[in-house]
């Protein structure tokens, strides 16, 4: 499964209507966000059949960003059946992300 770009308008359909979803709140000017992008690509290749990965640009989508209280980026929120169940702030290594996701699959 490919990583999906979501917006304020598509968030409900893409995230809240799915099973386990990891949402990356990011911005193009954010250094740690650029560092985590290849980690998310690897995760998608390894766990794509179990977890959907979505990215939302905080600059372009302020409604969703504020709705979930995102104050720093990157922020990664795990959603299970439309509800936020875990939140990580800052760069995370792949093993840490896999560990968190495995609790919610």
Foldseek 3Di string as FASTA:
>chain_A
DDEAEDALVCCCVPPLQDFKEKEWEAAPVDPQVVVCVVLVVVCCVVQVVPYHYYYYYCVRHVVVCVVVPPDAPRKIFIDGNRHTDDIDHTHDHNVVVCVVVVVRD
